[in-house]
């Protein structure tokens, strides 16, 4: 049996406690591209984090540029 990503074992929870810092954690390839582009365009400090258990995940990603809306997460 595999193990899921655990929030208590990550560094991004430390960054999330710092005022003014936005933290993005992708859950699928589509969000990874959109939120990474949004993080690059954001004028504020954004920490983009990936859990190593998700690095081999495959999924559909459009070729054109698009951005996710940081702060409007999909759950």
C-alpha atoms as a PDB file:
ATOM      1  CA  UNK A   1       0.000   0.000   0.000  1.00  0.00           C
ATOM      2  CA  UNK A   2       1.216   3.505  -0.819  1.00  0.00           C
ATOM      3  CA  UNK A   3       1.245   6.522   1.408  1.00  0.00           C
ATOM      4  CA  UNK A   4      -0.424   9.841   0.750  1.00  0.00           C
ATOM      5  CA  UNK A   5       1.288  13.208   1.074  1.00  0.00           C
ATOM      6  CA  UNK A   6       1.102  14.342   4.685  1.00  0.00           C
ATOM      7  CA  UNK A   7       0.919  18.083   5.390  1.00  0.00           C
ATOM      8  CA  UNK A   8       2.737  17.731   8.713  1.00  0.00           C
ATOM      9  CA  UNK A   9       5.805  16.297   6.951  1.00  0.00           C
ATOM     10  CA  UNK A  10       6.282  19.170   4.499  1.00  0.00           C
ATOM     11  CA  UNK A  11       8.053  22.516   4.485  1.00  0.00           C
ATOM     12  CA  UNK A  12       5.242  24.445   2.819  1.00  0.00           C
ATOM     13  CA  UNK A  13       3.258  24.525   6.060  1.00  0.00           C
ATOM     14  CA  UNK A  14       6.082  26.657   7.527  1.00  0.00           C
ATOM     15  CA  UNK A  15       5.844  29.147   4.635  1.00  0.00           C
ATOM     16  CA  UNK A  16       2.049  29.258   4.958  1.00  0.00           C
ATOM     17  CA  UNK A  17       2.413  30.678   8.474  1.00  0.00           C
ATOM     18  CA  UNK A  18       4.396  33.714   7.238  1.00  0.00           C
ATOM     19  CA  UNK A  19       2.195  36.797   6.645  1.00  0.00           C
ATOM     20  CA  UNK A  20       2.102  37.951   3.022  1.00  0.00           C
ATOM     21  CA  UNK A  21       3.467  34.719   1.570  1.00  0.00           C
ATOM     22  CA  UNK A  22       1.249  32.762  -0.814  1.00  0.00           C
ATOM     23  CA  UNK A  23       1.758  29.007  -0.949  1.00  0.00           C
ATOM     24  CA  UNK A  24       0.737  26.915  -3.948  1.00  0.00           C
ATOM     25  CA  UNK A  25       0.720  23.119  -3.779  1.00  0.00           C
ATOM     26  CA  UNK A  26      -0.355  21.396  -6.941  1.00  0.00           C
ATOM     27  CA  UNK A  27      -2.541  18.315  -6.960  1.00  0.00           C
ATOM     28  CA  UNK A  28      -2.512  17.484 -10.676  1.00  0.00           C
ATOM     29  CA  UNK A  29      -0.585  18.420 -13.852  1.00  0.00           C
ATOM     30  CA  UNK A  30      -3.243  20.888 -15.067  1.00  0.00           C
ATOM     31  CA  UNK A  31      -3.072  22.887 -11.834  1.00  0.00           C
ATOM     32  CA  UNK A  32       0.722  22.637 -11.762  1.00  0.00           C
ATOM     33  CA  UNK A  33       1.070  24.510 -15.051  1.00  0.00           C
ATOM     34  CA  UNK A  34      -1.649  27.067 -14.362  1.00  0.00           C
ATOM     35  CA  UNK A  35      -0.509  27.890 -10.835  1.00  0.00           C
ATOM     36  CA  UNK A  36       3.189  27.980 -11.762  1.00  0.00           C
ATOM     37  CA  UNK A  37       2.454  30.554 -14.478  1.00  0.00           C
ATOM     38  CA  UNK A  38       0.259  32.500 -12.035  1.00  0.00           C
ATOM     39  CA  UNK A  39       3.043  32.418  -9.417  1.00  0.00           C
ATOM     40  CA  UNK A  40       5.552  33.805 -11.928  1.00  0.00           C
ATOM     41  CA  UNK A  41       3.199  36.664 -12.844  1.00  0.00           C
ATOM     42  CA  UNK A  42       2.271  37.466  -9.220  1.00  0.00           C
ATOM     43  CA  UNK A  43       3.917  40.574  -7.732  1.00  0.00           C
ATOM     44  CA  UNK A  44       3.927  38.996  -4.264  1.00  0.00           C
ATOM     45  CA  UNK A  45       6.131  36.247  -2.860  1.00  0.00           C
ATOM     46  CA  UNK A  46       4.736  32.867  -3.913  1.00  0.00           C
ATOM     47  CA  UNK A  47       6.152  29.528  -2.785  1.00  0.00           C
ATOM     48  CA  UNK A  48       5.388  26.806  -5.340  1.00  0.00           C
ATOM     49  CA  UNK A  49       5.717  23.355  -3.814  1.00  0.00           C
ATOM     50  CA  UNK A  50       5.431  19.862  -5.211  1.00  0.00           C
ATOM     51  CA  UNK A  51       5.237  16.713  -3.163  1.00  0.00           C
ATOM     52  CA  UNK A  52       7.577  14.037  -4.476  1.00  0.00           C
ATOM     53  CA  UNK A  53       4.763  11.483  -4.395  1.00  0.00           C
ATOM     54  CA  UNK A  54       3.002  13.471  -7.157  1.00  0.00           C
ATOM     55  CA  UNK A  55       5.975  13.976  -9.508  1.00  0.00           C
ATOM     56  CA  UNK A  56       5.140  10.978 -11.707  1.00  0.00           C
ATOM     57  CA  UNK A  57       1.469  11.882 -12.057  1.00  0.00           C
ATOM     58  CA  UNK A  58       0.303  12.212 -15.668  1.00  0.00           C
ATOM     59  CA  UNK A  59      -2.626  14.184 -16.998  1.00  0.00           C
ATOM     60  CA  UNK A  60      -3.974  16.417 -19.733  1.00  0.00           C
ATOM     61  CA  UNK A  61      -2.382  19.873 -19.964  1.00  0.00           C
ATOM     62  CA  UNK A  62      -3.276  22.375 -22.713  1.00  0.00           C
ATOM     63  CA  UNK A  63      -0.370  23.668 -24.815  1.00  0.00           C
ATOM     64  CA  UNK A  64      -1.501  27.297 -24.612  1.00  0.00           C
ATOM     65  CA  UNK A  65      -0.642  29.453 -21.625  1.00  0.00           C
ATOM     66  CA  UNK A  66      -3.270  29.729 -18.915  1.00  0.00           C
ATOM     67  CA  UNK A  67      -3.093  30.695 -15.286  1.00  0.00           C
ATOM     68  CA  UNK A  68      -4.825  29.375 -12.242  1.00  0.00           C
ATOM     69  CA  UNK A  69      -6.319  31.813  -9.792  1.00  0.00           C
ATOM     70  CA  UNK A  70      -4.232  31.696  -6.630  1.00  0.00           C
ATOM     71  CA  UNK A  71      -6.575  31.837  -3.662  1.00  0.00           C
ATOM     72  CA  UNK A  72      -9.390  30.093  -5.569  1.00  0.00           C
ATOM     73  CA  UNK A  73      -8.357  26.521  -4.966  1.00  0.00           C
ATOM     74  CA  UNK A  74     -10.211  23.513  -6.211  1.00  0.00           C
ATOM     75  CA  UNK A  75     -10.838  20.975  -3.479  1.00  0.00           C
END
